[in-house]
N, C-alpha and C. Protein backbone atom coordinates (compact mmCIF):
# COMPACT_ATOMS: atom_id res chain seq x y z
N MET A 1 -127.66 -83.38 -55.49
CA MET A 1 -128.76 -83.82 -56.62
C MET A 1 -130.15 -83.07 -56.00
N LYS A 2 -130.84 -82.70 -56.67
CA LYS A 2 -132.51 -83.19 -56.11
C LYS A 2 -133.28 -84.23 -56.71
N PRO A 3 -134.20 -84.98 -56.13
CA PRO A 3 -134.69 -86.05 -57.05
C PRO A 3 -135.59 -85.62 -57.77
N VAL A 4 -135.48 -86.08 -59.39
CA VAL A 4 -135.92 -86.07 -60.36
C VAL A 4 -137.31 -87.40 -60.33
N VAL A 5 -138.55 -86.91 -60.84
CA VAL A 5 -139.69 -87.51 -61.13
C VAL A 5 -140.25 -87.78 -62.29
N ILE A 6 -140.23 -88.63 -63.49
CA ILE A 6 -140.83 -88.58 -64.44
C ILE A 6 -141.75 -89.47 -64.91
N TYR A 7 -142.79 -89.25 -65.13
CA TYR A 7 -143.97 -89.87 -65.72
C TYR A 7 -143.72 -90.39 -66.98
N ARG A 8 -144.09 -91.46 -67.87
CA ARG A 8 -143.97 -91.49 -69.16
C ARG A 8 -144.60 -93.04 -69.23
N THR A 9 -144.03 -92.88 -70.73
CA THR A 9 -144.62 -94.45 -71.41
C THR A 9 -143.19 -95.68 -72.07
N SER A 10 -143.25 -96.86 -72.11
CA SER A 10 -141.43 -97.06 -72.87
C SER A 10 -142.04 -96.64 -74.07
N TRP A 11 -142.68 -96.38 -75.30
CA TRP A 11 -142.87 -95.85 -76.41
C TRP A 11 -142.81 -95.13 -76.99
N CYS A 12 -143.33 -93.86 -76.59
CA CYS A 12 -142.76 -92.58 -76.11
C CYS A 12 -141.56 -91.84 -76.26
N PRO A 13 -141.38 -91.43 -78.01
CA PRO A 13 -139.98 -91.05 -77.71
C PRO A 13 -139.67 -89.81 -77.21
N PHE A 14 -140.38 -89.03 -76.65
CA PHE A 14 -140.32 -87.68 -76.56
C PHE A 14 -139.99 -87.83 -75.09
N CYS A 15 -140.10 -89.17 -74.94
CA CYS A 15 -139.65 -89.70 -72.98
C CYS A 15 -138.20 -90.23 -72.87
N GLN A 16 -137.91 -90.82 -74.52
CA GLN A 16 -137.10 -91.14 -74.27
C GLN A 16 -135.95 -90.05 -74.39
N ARG A 17 -136.37 -89.40 -74.84
CA ARG A 17 -135.42 -88.16 -75.79
C ARG A 17 -135.12 -86.63 -74.09
N ALA A 18 -136.52 -87.27 -73.01
CA ALA A 18 -136.06 -86.03 -71.86
C ALA A 18 -135.37 -87.00 -71.02
N GLU A 19 -135.38 -88.68 -70.97
CA GLU A 19 -134.64 -89.39 -70.09
C GLU A 19 -132.77 -89.01 -70.56
N ALA A 20 -133.05 -89.04 -72.32
CA ALA A 20 -130.97 -88.97 -72.15
C ALA A 20 -130.86 -87.63 -72.01
N LEU A 21 -131.14 -86.60 -72.25
CA LEU A 21 -131.13 -85.30 -71.46
C LEU A 21 -130.67 -85.40 -69.91
N LEU A 22 -131.34 -85.95 -69.04
CA LEU A 22 -131.08 -85.88 -67.93
C LEU A 22 -130.05 -86.76 -67.49
N ALA A 23 -130.01 -87.74 -68.12
CA ALA A 23 -128.49 -88.33 -68.15
C ALA A 23 -127.58 -88.24 -68.45
N ALA A 24 -127.56 -86.76 -69.35
CA ALA A 24 -126.31 -86.08 -70.21
C ALA A 24 -125.94 -85.05 -68.86
N ARG A 25 -126.71 -84.84 -68.12
CA ARG A 25 -126.92 -83.44 -66.78
C ARG A 25 -126.46 -84.11 -65.86
N GLY A 26 -126.21 -85.90 -65.88
CA GLY A 26 -125.14 -86.26 -64.43
C GLY A 26 -127.08 -87.06 -63.46
N VAL A 27 -127.91 -87.13 -63.94
CA VAL A 27 -129.16 -87.45 -63.24
C VAL A 27 -129.18 -88.74 -63.57
N SER A 28 -128.54 -89.97 -62.41
CA SER A 28 -128.27 -91.22 -62.58
C SER A 28 -129.59 -92.46 -62.66
N ASN A 29 -130.41 -91.62 -61.19
CA ASN A 29 -131.52 -92.47 -60.79
C ASN A 29 -132.55 -91.78 -60.78
N PRO A 30 -133.00 -91.35 -61.74
CA PRO A 30 -134.57 -90.94 -61.58
C PRO A 30 -135.63 -91.66 -61.56
N GLN A 31 -136.75 -91.37 -60.36
CA GLN A 31 -137.62 -92.03 -59.91
C GLN A 31 -138.86 -92.45 -61.74
N VAL A 32 -138.36 -93.28 -61.84
CA VAL A 32 -139.27 -93.48 -63.14
C VAL A 32 -140.79 -93.88 -63.39
N ILE A 33 -141.83 -93.46 -63.10
CA ILE A 33 -143.26 -93.87 -62.77
C ILE A 33 -143.89 -94.63 -64.62
N ASP A 34 -143.43 -95.87 -64.78
CA ASP A 34 -143.91 -96.40 -65.84
C ASP A 34 -145.50 -96.42 -66.63
N LEU A 35 -146.42 -95.60 -66.87
CA LEU A 35 -147.48 -95.76 -67.00
C LEU A 35 -147.75 -96.63 -67.95
N ASP A 36 -147.07 -97.43 -68.19
CA ASP A 36 -147.61 -98.47 -69.28
C ASP A 36 -147.88 -100.03 -68.07
N ASP A 37 -146.75 -100.02 -67.02
CA ASP A 37 -147.09 -100.92 -66.31
C ASP A 37 -148.04 -100.37 -64.66
N GLU A 38 -148.00 -99.09 -64.36
CA GLU A 38 -148.85 -98.78 -63.56
C GLU A 38 -149.74 -97.49 -63.62
N PRO A 39 -150.86 -98.14 -64.70
CA PRO A 39 -151.74 -97.28 -65.85
C PRO A 39 -152.41 -96.20 -64.42
N GLU A 40 -153.03 -96.44 -63.72
CA GLU A 40 -153.67 -95.97 -62.42
C GLU A 40 -152.99 -95.02 -61.98
N ARG A 41 -151.52 -94.82 -62.09
CA ARG A 41 -150.76 -93.25 -61.68
C ARG A 41 -151.07 -92.07 -62.71
N ARG A 42 -151.34 -92.89 -64.07
CA ARG A 42 -151.91 -91.70 -64.93
C ARG A 42 -152.69 -90.13 -63.89
N ARG A 43 -153.79 -90.84 -63.63
CA ARG A 43 -154.44 -89.65 -62.60
C ARG A 43 -154.24 -89.15 -61.91
N GLU A 44 -152.96 -89.98 -61.11
CA GLU A 44 -151.73 -89.05 -59.89
C GLU A 44 -151.09 -87.68 -60.89
N MET A 45 -150.16 -88.29 -61.80
CA MET A 45 -149.56 -87.39 -62.76
C MET A 45 -150.42 -86.82 -63.50
N ILE A 46 -151.46 -86.23 -63.65
CA ILE A 46 -152.78 -85.44 -64.32
C ILE A 46 -153.11 -84.36 -62.77
N GLU A 47 -153.29 -84.76 -61.70
CA GLU A 47 -153.51 -84.15 -60.24
C GLU A 47 -152.37 -83.53 -60.27
N ARG A 48 -150.82 -83.50 -60.20
CA ARG A 48 -149.83 -82.96 -59.80
C ARG A 48 -149.54 -82.20 -61.14
N SER A 49 -149.68 -82.64 -62.44
CA SER A 49 -149.23 -81.43 -63.00
C SER A 49 -150.03 -80.68 -64.18
N GLY A 50 -150.95 -81.22 -64.36
CA GLY A 50 -152.56 -80.31 -64.42
C GLY A 50 -152.78 -80.44 -66.18
N ARG A 51 -151.48 -81.77 -66.80
CA ARG A 51 -151.24 -82.17 -68.41
C ARG A 51 -151.56 -83.67 -68.27
N THR A 52 -151.91 -84.11 -69.39
CA THR A 52 -152.66 -85.17 -69.57
C THR A 52 -151.18 -86.09 -70.64
N THR A 53 -150.55 -85.43 -71.08
CA THR A 53 -149.46 -86.19 -71.93
C THR A 53 -148.09 -86.46 -71.14
N VAL A 54 -147.57 -87.53 -71.91
CA VAL A 54 -146.32 -87.96 -70.98
C VAL A 54 -144.48 -87.63 -71.99
N PRO A 55 -143.70 -87.07 -71.79
CA PRO A 55 -143.55 -86.99 -70.31
C PRO A 55 -143.86 -86.26 -69.98
N GLN A 56 -143.93 -86.41 -68.20
CA GLN A 56 -144.51 -84.92 -66.80
C GLN A 56 -143.03 -85.42 -66.02
N ILE A 57 -142.12 -84.26 -65.72
CA ILE A 57 -141.30 -84.00 -65.61
C ILE A 57 -140.92 -83.13 -63.63
N PHE A 58 -140.53 -83.79 -63.15
CA PHE A 58 -140.42 -82.94 -61.70
C PHE A 58 -139.12 -83.09 -61.57
N ILE A 59 -139.05 -81.98 -60.63
CA ILE A 59 -137.13 -82.05 -60.24
C ILE A 59 -137.16 -81.65 -59.04
N GLY A 60 -137.06 -81.90 -57.71
CA GLY A 60 -137.91 -81.58 -56.39
C GLY A 60 -139.33 -81.30 -56.32
N ASP A 61 -139.72 -80.66 -55.97
CA ASP A 61 -141.09 -80.44 -56.11
C ASP A 61 -141.75 -79.67 -57.38
N ILE A 62 -140.77 -79.27 -58.03
CA ILE A 62 -140.90 -78.49 -59.00
C ILE A 62 -141.40 -79.46 -60.50
N HIS A 63 -142.43 -78.59 -60.81
CA HIS A 63 -143.11 -79.59 -62.48
C HIS A 63 -142.06 -79.06 -63.49
N VAL A 64 -141.08 -79.00 -63.97
CA VAL A 64 -140.82 -78.71 -65.17
C VAL A 64 -141.82 -78.75 -66.43
N GLY A 65 -142.23 -79.88 -66.51
CA GLY A 65 -143.35 -79.78 -68.01
C GLY A 65 -142.40 -81.21 -68.51
N GLY A 66 -143.00 -81.24 -69.65
CA GLY A 66 -142.72 -82.15 -70.38
C GLY A 66 -140.96 -81.90 -71.15
N CYS A 67 -141.12 -82.91 -72.23
CA CYS A 67 -140.05 -83.04 -73.08
C CYS A 67 -139.12 -81.40 -73.32
N ASP A 68 -140.02 -80.80 -74.42
CA ASP A 68 -140.09 -79.20 -74.74
C ASP A 68 -139.73 -78.38 -73.75
N ASP A 69 -140.02 -78.36 -72.81
CA ASP A 69 -139.61 -77.60 -71.72
C ASP A 69 -138.57 -78.11 -70.58
N LEU A 70 -138.47 -79.02 -70.40
CA LEU A 70 -137.04 -79.51 -69.87
C LEU A 70 -136.04 -79.06 -71.83
N HIS A 71 -136.35 -79.20 -71.96
CA HIS A 71 -134.92 -78.59 -73.28
C HIS A 71 -134.85 -77.14 -73.02
N ALA A 72 -136.07 -76.99 -73.28
CA ALA A 72 -135.86 -74.83 -73.02
C ALA A 72 -135.19 -74.59 -71.88
N LEU A 73 -135.15 -75.50 -70.92
CA LEU A 73 -135.31 -74.95 -69.79
C LEU A 73 -133.26 -75.08 -69.90
N ASP A 74 -132.57 -76.22 -70.17
CA ASP A 74 -131.48 -76.65 -70.33
C ASP A 74 -130.83 -75.76 -71.25
N ARG A 75 -131.30 -75.29 -72.68
CA ARG A 75 -130.93 -74.26 -73.23
C ARG A 75 -130.69 -72.32 -72.66
N ARG A 76 -131.89 -72.31 -71.86
CA ARG A 76 -131.75 -71.19 -71.05
C ARG A 76 -130.52 -71.30 -70.30
N GLY A 77 -129.38 -72.82 -69.83
CA GLY A 77 -129.01 -72.97 -68.59
C GLY A 77 -129.41 -72.75 -67.35
N GLU A 78 -130.83 -73.43 -67.17
CA GLU A 78 -130.88 -73.36 -65.95
C GLU A 78 -131.67 -74.49 -65.54
N LEU A 79 -130.93 -75.64 -65.94
CA LEU A 79 -131.82 -77.17 -65.83
C LEU A 79 -130.46 -77.06 -64.76
N ALA A 80 -128.87 -76.81 -65.03
CA ALA A 80 -127.88 -77.71 -64.09
C ALA A 80 -128.19 -76.76 -62.54
N SER A 81 -128.66 -75.58 -63.23
CA SER A 81 -128.72 -75.53 -61.41
C SER A 81 -130.35 -75.84 -61.03
N LEU A 82 -131.04 -75.53 -61.34
CA LEU A 82 -132.24 -75.90 -60.60
C LEU A 82 -132.22 -77.56 -59.74
N LEU A 83 -131.35 -78.69 -61.05
CA LEU A 83 -130.73 -79.80 -60.16
C LEU A 83 -129.73 -79.75 -59.27
N GLN A 84 -129.43 -78.73 -59.49
CA GLN A 84 -128.37 -78.78 -58.07
C GLN A 84 -128.73 -78.04 -56.30
N SER A 85 -129.88 -77.22 -57.32
CA SER A 85 -130.25 -76.24 -55.50
C SER A 85 -130.84 -76.80 -54.53
């Protein structure tokens, strides 16, 4: 399985939904970058994703986007193959 990185905050319901979907799809150890604990990494997130909102999710080298983007990828049946490819 490809490595998954998720930039998040602890209070964000979209972050929690995204993490729950990833867990349901078998992602047991994503690299979680909590911007509450490491606010200096927000700039890194913005540079990598071009976005300022959380969550921002990366699967391997691919920027998936946020929670809605992740769920849309799953509805299209593309998430599992992306995680495995």
